[in-house]
């Protein structure tokens, strides 16, 4: 099982997630009450130990904008929410970044029946 704790905004929350065994920590870089700036995410990245993935979370941004913002924050992982295309996945992979593709449970059930992959 892969566990990611998301919406972190303080060094203390990063430490708590890591000490609890999280495989990854997520920084919300999209409009949200938990949104942090790319600069803040970069500062928090200093508290993420090696071996724990740090993920930028995006909802409505284009894949290219998500990649650019994640790079500005110093992140190598992108999590995309919302309606996405195979081209979005390609954009993230072509940038050399790792991708988490978030879907709603209803969409996951529908896509799995059709044989489509929801993650990579």
N, C-alpha and C. Protein backbone atom coordinates (compact mmCIF):
# COMPACT_ATOMS: atom_id res chain seq x y z
N UNK A 1 0.84 -1.17 0.00
CA UNK A 1 0.00 0.00 0.00
C UNK A 1 0.88 1.24 0.00
N UNK A 2 0.46 2.23 -0.76
CA UNK A 2 1.16 3.51 -0.86
C UNK A 2 0.30 4.56 -0.17
N UNK A 3 0.85 5.24 0.84
CA UNK A 3 0.09 6.22 1.61
C UNK A 3 0.66 7.61 1.38
N UNK A 4 -0.22 8.53 0.94
CA UNK A 4 0.16 9.94 0.76
C UNK A 4 -0.72 10.78 1.66
N UNK A 5 -0.10 11.65 2.44
CA UNK A 5 -0.82 12.58 3.29
C UNK A 5 -0.76 13.94 2.60
N UNK A 6 -1.92 14.53 2.38
CA UNK A 6 -2.02 15.71 1.53
C UNK A 6 -2.47 16.94 2.32
N UNK A 7 -2.25 18.10 1.73
CA UNK A 7 -2.71 19.35 2.31
C UNK A 7 -1.81 19.89 3.39
N UNK A 8 -0.54 19.50 3.36
CA UNK A 8 0.39 19.91 4.40
C UNK A 8 0.86 21.35 4.15
N UNK A 9 1.02 22.10 5.25
CA UNK A 9 1.39 23.50 5.07
C UNK A 9 2.38 24.00 6.11
N UNK A 10 2.79 23.14 7.02
CA UNK A 10 3.75 23.54 8.06
C UNK A 10 4.83 22.47 8.19
N UNK A 11 5.99 22.86 8.68
CA UNK A 11 7.02 21.84 8.94
C UNK A 11 6.52 20.78 9.92
N UNK A 12 5.72 21.19 10.90
CA UNK A 12 5.20 20.25 11.88
C UNK A 12 4.29 19.21 11.23
N UNK A 13 3.45 19.63 10.29
CA UNK A 13 2.56 18.67 9.63
C UNK A 13 3.36 17.72 8.73
N UNK A 14 4.41 18.21 8.12
CA UNK A 14 5.27 17.35 7.31
C UNK A 14 5.94 16.30 8.21
N UNK A 15 6.49 16.75 9.33
CA UNK A 15 7.14 15.82 10.26
C UNK A 15 6.15 14.79 10.78
N UNK A 16 4.94 15.22 11.12
CA UNK A 16 3.94 14.29 11.65
C UNK A 16 3.58 13.23 10.60
N UNK A 17 3.42 13.64 9.35
CA UNK A 17 3.09 12.68 8.29
C UNK A 17 4.23 11.68 8.10
N UNK A 18 5.45 12.18 8.05
CA UNK A 18 6.61 11.31 7.85
C UNK A 18 6.78 10.36 9.03
N UNK A 19 6.66 10.88 10.24
CA UNK A 19 6.82 10.04 11.43
C UNK A 19 5.72 8.99 11.53
N UNK A 20 4.57 9.25 10.91
CA UNK A 20 3.46 8.29 10.92
C UNK A 20 3.59 7.24 9.82
N UNK A 21 4.64 7.36 9.00
CA UNK A 21 4.91 6.35 8.00
C UNK A 21 4.44 6.66 6.59
N UNK A 22 4.10 7.90 6.30
CA UNK A 22 3.65 8.26 4.95
C UNK A 22 4.75 7.96 3.93
N UNK A 23 4.33 7.42 2.80
CA UNK A 23 5.24 7.20 1.68
C UNK A 23 5.44 8.48 0.87
N UNK A 24 4.45 9.38 0.98
CA UNK A 24 4.48 10.63 0.22
C UNK A 24 3.74 11.71 0.99
N UNK A 25 4.13 12.94 0.73
CA UNK A 25 3.44 14.10 1.29
C UNK A 25 2.99 14.97 0.12
N UNK A 26 1.82 15.59 0.28
CA UNK A 26 1.26 16.39 -0.80
C UNK A 26 1.12 17.85 -0.43
N UNK A 27 1.49 18.70 -1.37
CA UNK A 27 1.35 20.13 -1.21
C UNK A 27 0.34 20.62 -2.24
N UNK A 28 -0.74 21.23 -1.77
CA UNK A 28 -1.81 21.68 -2.65
C UNK A 28 -1.38 22.97 -3.32
N UNK A 29 -1.21 22.91 -4.63
CA UNK A 29 -0.75 24.06 -5.41
C UNK A 29 -1.84 24.51 -6.37
N UNK A 30 -3.08 24.35 -5.94
CA UNK A 30 -4.25 24.76 -6.71
C UNK A 30 -5.18 25.50 -5.75
N UNK A 31 -6.15 26.22 -6.29
CA UNK A 31 -7.05 26.99 -5.45
C UNK A 31 -7.77 26.07 -4.47
N UNK A 32 -7.54 26.32 -3.19
CA UNK A 32 -8.08 25.47 -2.13
C UNK A 32 -7.83 26.18 -0.80
N UNK A 33 -8.64 25.87 0.21
CA UNK A 33 -8.32 26.41 1.54
C UNK A 33 -6.96 25.94 2.04
N UNK A 34 -6.46 24.83 1.51
CA UNK A 34 -5.15 24.28 1.94
C UNK A 34 -4.02 24.66 0.98
N UNK A 35 -4.29 25.57 0.05
CA UNK A 35 -3.29 25.95 -0.96
C UNK A 35 -2.06 26.57 -0.31
N UNK A 36 -0.89 26.18 -0.83
CA UNK A 36 0.36 26.83 -0.48
C UNK A 36 0.99 27.35 -1.77
N UNK A 37 1.83 28.33 -1.65
CA UNK A 37 2.52 28.87 -2.82
C UNK A 37 3.65 27.93 -3.20
N UNK A 38 4.14 28.03 -4.44
CA UNK A 38 5.31 27.22 -4.81
C UNK A 38 6.52 27.48 -3.90
N UNK A 39 6.69 28.72 -3.49
CA UNK A 39 7.79 29.04 -2.58
C UNK A 39 7.64 28.37 -1.23
N UNK A 40 6.41 28.36 -0.72
CA UNK A 40 6.16 27.69 0.56
C UNK A 40 6.40 26.18 0.43
N UNK A 41 5.95 25.61 -0.68
CA UNK A 41 6.18 24.18 -0.92
C UNK A 41 7.67 23.88 -0.97
N UNK A 42 8.43 24.76 -1.61
CA UNK A 42 9.89 24.58 -1.69
C UNK A 42 10.50 24.61 -0.28
N UNK A 43 10.03 25.54 0.55
CA UNK A 43 10.52 25.62 1.93
C UNK A 43 10.20 24.33 2.70
N UNK A 44 8.97 23.82 2.52
CA UNK A 44 8.55 22.60 3.22
C UNK A 44 9.30 21.38 2.71
N UNK A 45 9.71 21.42 1.46
CA UNK A 45 10.45 20.31 0.87
C UNK A 45 11.74 20.01 1.65
N UNK A 46 12.29 21.03 2.26
CA UNK A 46 13.51 20.85 3.06
C UNK A 46 13.27 19.93 4.26
N UNK A 47 12.00 19.73 4.64
CA UNK A 47 11.66 18.89 5.79
C UNK A 47 11.25 17.48 5.39
N UNK A 48 11.29 17.19 4.08
CA UNK A 48 10.90 15.88 3.57
C UNK A 48 12.17 15.03 3.41
N UNK A 49 12.26 13.94 4.15
CA UNK A 49 13.48 13.13 4.05
C UNK A 49 13.56 12.37 2.74
N UNK A 50 14.76 11.98 2.39
CA UNK A 50 14.97 11.14 1.22
C UNK A 50 14.16 9.86 1.39
N UNK A 51 13.59 9.40 0.30
CA UNK A 51 12.77 8.20 0.34
C UNK A 51 11.29 8.46 0.51
N UNK A 52 10.92 9.70 0.84
CA UNK A 52 9.52 10.09 0.92
C UNK A 52 9.24 11.02 -0.27
N UNK A 53 8.26 10.67 -1.07
CA UNK A 53 7.93 11.47 -2.25
C UNK A 53 7.21 12.74 -1.84
N UNK A 54 7.50 13.83 -2.53
CA UNK A 54 6.81 15.10 -2.33
C UNK A 54 6.04 15.41 -3.61
N UNK A 55 4.74 15.62 -3.47
CA UNK A 55 3.82 15.68 -4.60
C UNK A 55 3.13 17.04 -4.64
N UNK A 56 3.08 17.65 -5.84
CA UNK A 56 2.29 18.85 -6.05
C UNK A 56 0.90 18.44 -6.53
N UNK A 57 -0.13 18.95 -5.88
CA UNK A 57 -1.52 18.58 -6.19
C UNK A 57 -2.18 19.70 -6.98
N UNK A 58 -2.78 19.31 -8.12
CA UNK A 58 -3.40 20.28 -9.03
C UNK A 58 -4.78 19.82 -9.45
N UNK A 59 -5.69 20.79 -9.70
CA UNK A 59 -7.04 20.44 -10.11
C UNK A 59 -7.36 20.98 -11.51
N UNK A 60 -7.39 22.27 -11.67
CA UNK A 60 -7.88 22.85 -12.93
C UNK A 60 -6.78 23.36 -13.85
N UNK A 61 -5.57 23.36 -13.39
CA UNK A 61 -4.46 23.86 -14.20
C UNK A 61 -4.21 22.92 -15.37
N UNK A 62 -3.69 23.46 -16.46
CA UNK A 62 -3.27 22.59 -17.55
C UNK A 62 -2.12 21.73 -17.05
N UNK A 63 -1.89 20.62 -17.71
CA UNK A 63 -0.77 19.75 -17.32
C UNK A 63 0.55 20.51 -17.43
N UNK A 64 0.70 21.30 -18.49
CA UNK A 64 1.94 22.06 -18.67
C UNK A 64 2.13 23.07 -17.54
N UNK A 65 1.06 23.75 -17.13
CA UNK A 65 1.17 24.69 -16.01
C UNK A 65 1.47 23.97 -14.71
N UNK A 66 0.87 22.79 -14.51
CA UNK A 66 1.15 22.00 -13.31
C UNK A 66 2.62 21.61 -13.26
N UNK A 67 3.16 21.19 -14.38
CA UNK A 67 4.58 20.83 -14.45
C UNK A 67 5.45 22.04 -14.12
N UNK A 68 5.13 23.18 -14.70
CA UNK A 68 5.93 24.39 -14.46
C UNK A 68 5.88 24.80 -12.99
N UNK A 69 4.71 24.74 -12.39
CA UNK A 69 4.56 25.11 -10.98
C UNK A 69 5.27 24.10 -10.08
N UNK A 70 5.13 22.82 -10.39
CA UNK A 70 5.82 21.79 -9.61
C UNK A 70 7.33 22.00 -9.68
N UNK A 71 7.84 22.30 -10.85
CA UNK A 71 9.29 22.57 -10.98
C UNK A 71 9.69 23.78 -10.15
N UNK A 72 8.86 24.84 -10.19
CA UNK A 72 9.15 26.04 -9.40
C UNK A 72 9.23 25.70 -7.91
N UNK A 73 8.40 24.75 -7.49
CA UNK A 73 8.38 24.32 -6.09
C UNK A 73 9.48 23.31 -5.77
N UNK A 74 10.18 22.82 -6.79
CA UNK A 74 11.24 21.83 -6.57
C UNK A 74 10.74 20.40 -6.47
N UNK A 75 9.53 20.14 -6.96
CA UNK A 75 8.91 18.82 -6.84
C UNK A 75 9.15 17.99 -8.09
N UNK A 76 9.13 16.67 -7.93
CA UNK A 76 9.30 15.74 -9.04
C UNK A 76 8.04 14.92 -9.31
N UNK A 77 7.02 15.08 -8.48
CA UNK A 77 5.76 14.35 -8.62
C UNK A 77 4.63 15.35 -8.81
N UNK A 78 3.67 14.98 -9.66
CA UNK A 78 2.47 15.79 -9.91
C UNK A 78 1.25 14.89 -9.71
N UNK A 79 0.25 15.41 -9.02
CA UNK A 79 -1.03 14.71 -8.89
C UNK A 79 -2.07 15.55 -9.60
N UNK A 80 -2.74 14.96 -10.60
CA UNK A 80 -3.74 15.66 -11.39
C UNK A 80 -5.14 15.18 -11.03
N UNK A 81 -6.01 16.12 -10.70
CA UNK A 81 -7.43 15.87 -10.48
C UNK A 81 -8.20 16.42 -11.67
N UNK A 82 -9.47 16.09 -11.74
CA UNK A 82 -10.35 16.66 -12.76
C UNK A 82 -10.29 15.89 -14.06
N UNK A 83 -10.96 16.43 -15.04
CA UNK A 83 -11.03 15.80 -16.36
C UNK A 83 -9.67 15.91 -17.05
N UNK A 84 -9.10 14.78 -17.39
CA UNK A 84 -7.76 14.75 -17.99
C UNK A 84 -7.73 13.85 -19.20
N UNK A 85 -6.76 14.09 -20.05
CA UNK A 85 -6.62 13.33 -21.30
C UNK A 85 -5.31 12.55 -21.29
N UNK A 86 -5.18 11.60 -22.21
CA UNK A 86 -3.89 10.92 -22.36
C UNK A 86 -2.76 11.90 -22.67
N UNK A 87 -3.07 12.99 -23.34
CA UNK A 87 -2.05 14.01 -23.63
C UNK A 87 -1.53 14.66 -22.36
N UNK A 88 -2.44 14.84 -21.36
CA UNK A 88 -2.00 15.39 -20.08
C UNK A 88 -0.99 14.46 -19.41
N UNK A 89 -1.27 13.17 -19.44
CA UNK A 89 -0.36 12.18 -18.86
C UNK A 89 0.98 12.24 -19.59
N UNK A 90 0.94 12.31 -20.91
CA UNK A 90 2.15 12.39 -21.73
C UNK A 90 2.96 13.65 -21.39
N UNK A 91 2.27 14.77 -21.20
CA UNK A 91 2.96 16.03 -20.87
C UNK A 91 3.76 15.88 -19.58
N UNK A 92 3.16 15.27 -18.57
CA UNK A 92 3.85 15.10 -17.29
C UNK A 92 5.02 14.13 -17.45
N UNK A 93 4.78 13.01 -18.11
CA UNK A 93 5.86 12.02 -18.30
C UNK A 93 6.98 12.58 -19.15
N UNK A 94 6.65 13.30 -20.22
CA UNK A 94 7.68 13.88 -21.08
C UNK A 94 8.54 14.90 -20.35
N UNK A 95 7.98 15.48 -19.29
CA UNK A 95 8.74 16.44 -18.48
C UNK A 95 9.66 15.73 -17.49
N UNK A 96 9.59 14.38 -17.47
CA UNK A 96 10.44 13.62 -16.58
C UNK A 96 9.90 13.53 -15.16
N UNK A 97 8.62 13.81 -14.99
CA UNK A 97 8.02 13.79 -13.66
C UNK A 97 7.19 12.54 -13.46
N UNK A 98 7.00 12.18 -12.19
CA UNK A 98 6.13 11.06 -11.82
C UNK A 98 4.71 11.62 -11.69
N UNK A 99 3.71 10.76 -11.92
CA UNK A 99 2.33 11.20 -11.95
C UNK A 99 1.44 10.33 -11.08
N UNK A 100 0.59 10.99 -10.31
CA UNK A 100 -0.53 10.35 -9.63
C UNK A 100 -1.78 10.93 -10.28
N UNK A 101 -2.63 10.07 -10.79
CA UNK A 101 -3.86 10.50 -11.45
C UNK A 101 -5.01 10.23 -10.50
N UNK A 102 -5.62 11.27 -9.96
CA UNK A 102 -6.72 11.12 -9.02
C UNK A 102 -8.04 11.09 -9.77
N UNK A 103 -8.89 10.16 -9.40
CA UNK A 103 -10.23 10.05 -10.00
C UNK A 103 -11.24 9.81 -8.89
N UNK A 104 -12.51 10.12 -9.16
CA UNK A 104 -13.56 9.80 -8.20
C UNK A 104 -13.82 8.31 -8.26
N UNK A 105 -14.35 7.76 -7.21
CA UNK A 105 -14.59 6.32 -7.16
C UNK A 105 -15.53 5.88 -8.28
N UNK A 106 -16.56 6.64 -8.59
CA UNK A 106 -17.47 6.27 -9.68
C UNK A 106 -16.73 6.23 -11.01
N UNK A 107 -15.86 7.18 -11.23
CA UNK A 107 -15.08 7.20 -12.48
C UNK A 107 -14.11 6.03 -12.53
N UNK A 108 -13.54 5.68 -11.39
CA UNK A 108 -12.59 4.56 -11.36
C UNK A 108 -13.29 3.25 -11.71
N UNK A 109 -14.50 3.04 -11.17
CA UNK A 109 -15.23 1.81 -11.48
C UNK A 109 -15.59 1.77 -12.95
N UNK A 110 -16.05 2.89 -13.49
CA UNK A 110 -16.43 2.93 -14.89
C UNK A 110 -15.23 2.67 -15.79
N UNK A 111 -14.11 3.34 -15.49
CA UNK A 111 -12.93 3.19 -16.33
C UNK A 111 -12.34 1.81 -16.22
N UNK A 112 -12.37 1.21 -15.03
CA UNK A 112 -11.77 -0.11 -14.90
C UNK A 112 -12.57 -1.14 -15.70
N UNK A 113 -13.87 -0.95 -15.83
CA UNK A 113 -14.67 -1.86 -16.64
C UNK A 113 -14.30 -1.75 -18.11
N UNK A 114 -13.92 -0.56 -18.53
CA UNK A 114 -13.57 -0.37 -19.94
C UNK A 114 -12.13 -0.75 -20.22
N UNK A 115 -11.37 -1.03 -19.15
CA UNK A 115 -9.98 -1.40 -19.34
C UNK A 115 -9.04 -0.21 -19.37
N UNK A 116 -9.55 1.01 -19.17
CA UNK A 116 -8.70 2.20 -19.20
C UNK A 116 -7.86 2.26 -17.92
N UNK A 117 -6.66 2.80 -18.03
CA UNK A 117 -5.81 2.99 -16.87
C UNK A 117 -6.05 4.37 -16.31
N UNK A 118 -6.18 4.49 -15.01
CA UNK A 118 -6.39 5.77 -14.35
C UNK A 118 -5.13 6.32 -13.71
N UNK A 119 -4.06 5.62 -13.78
CA UNK A 119 -2.83 6.04 -13.14
C UNK A 119 -1.64 5.56 -13.96
N UNK A 120 -0.51 6.12 -13.65
CA UNK A 120 0.72 5.64 -14.28
C UNK A 120 1.89 5.95 -13.40
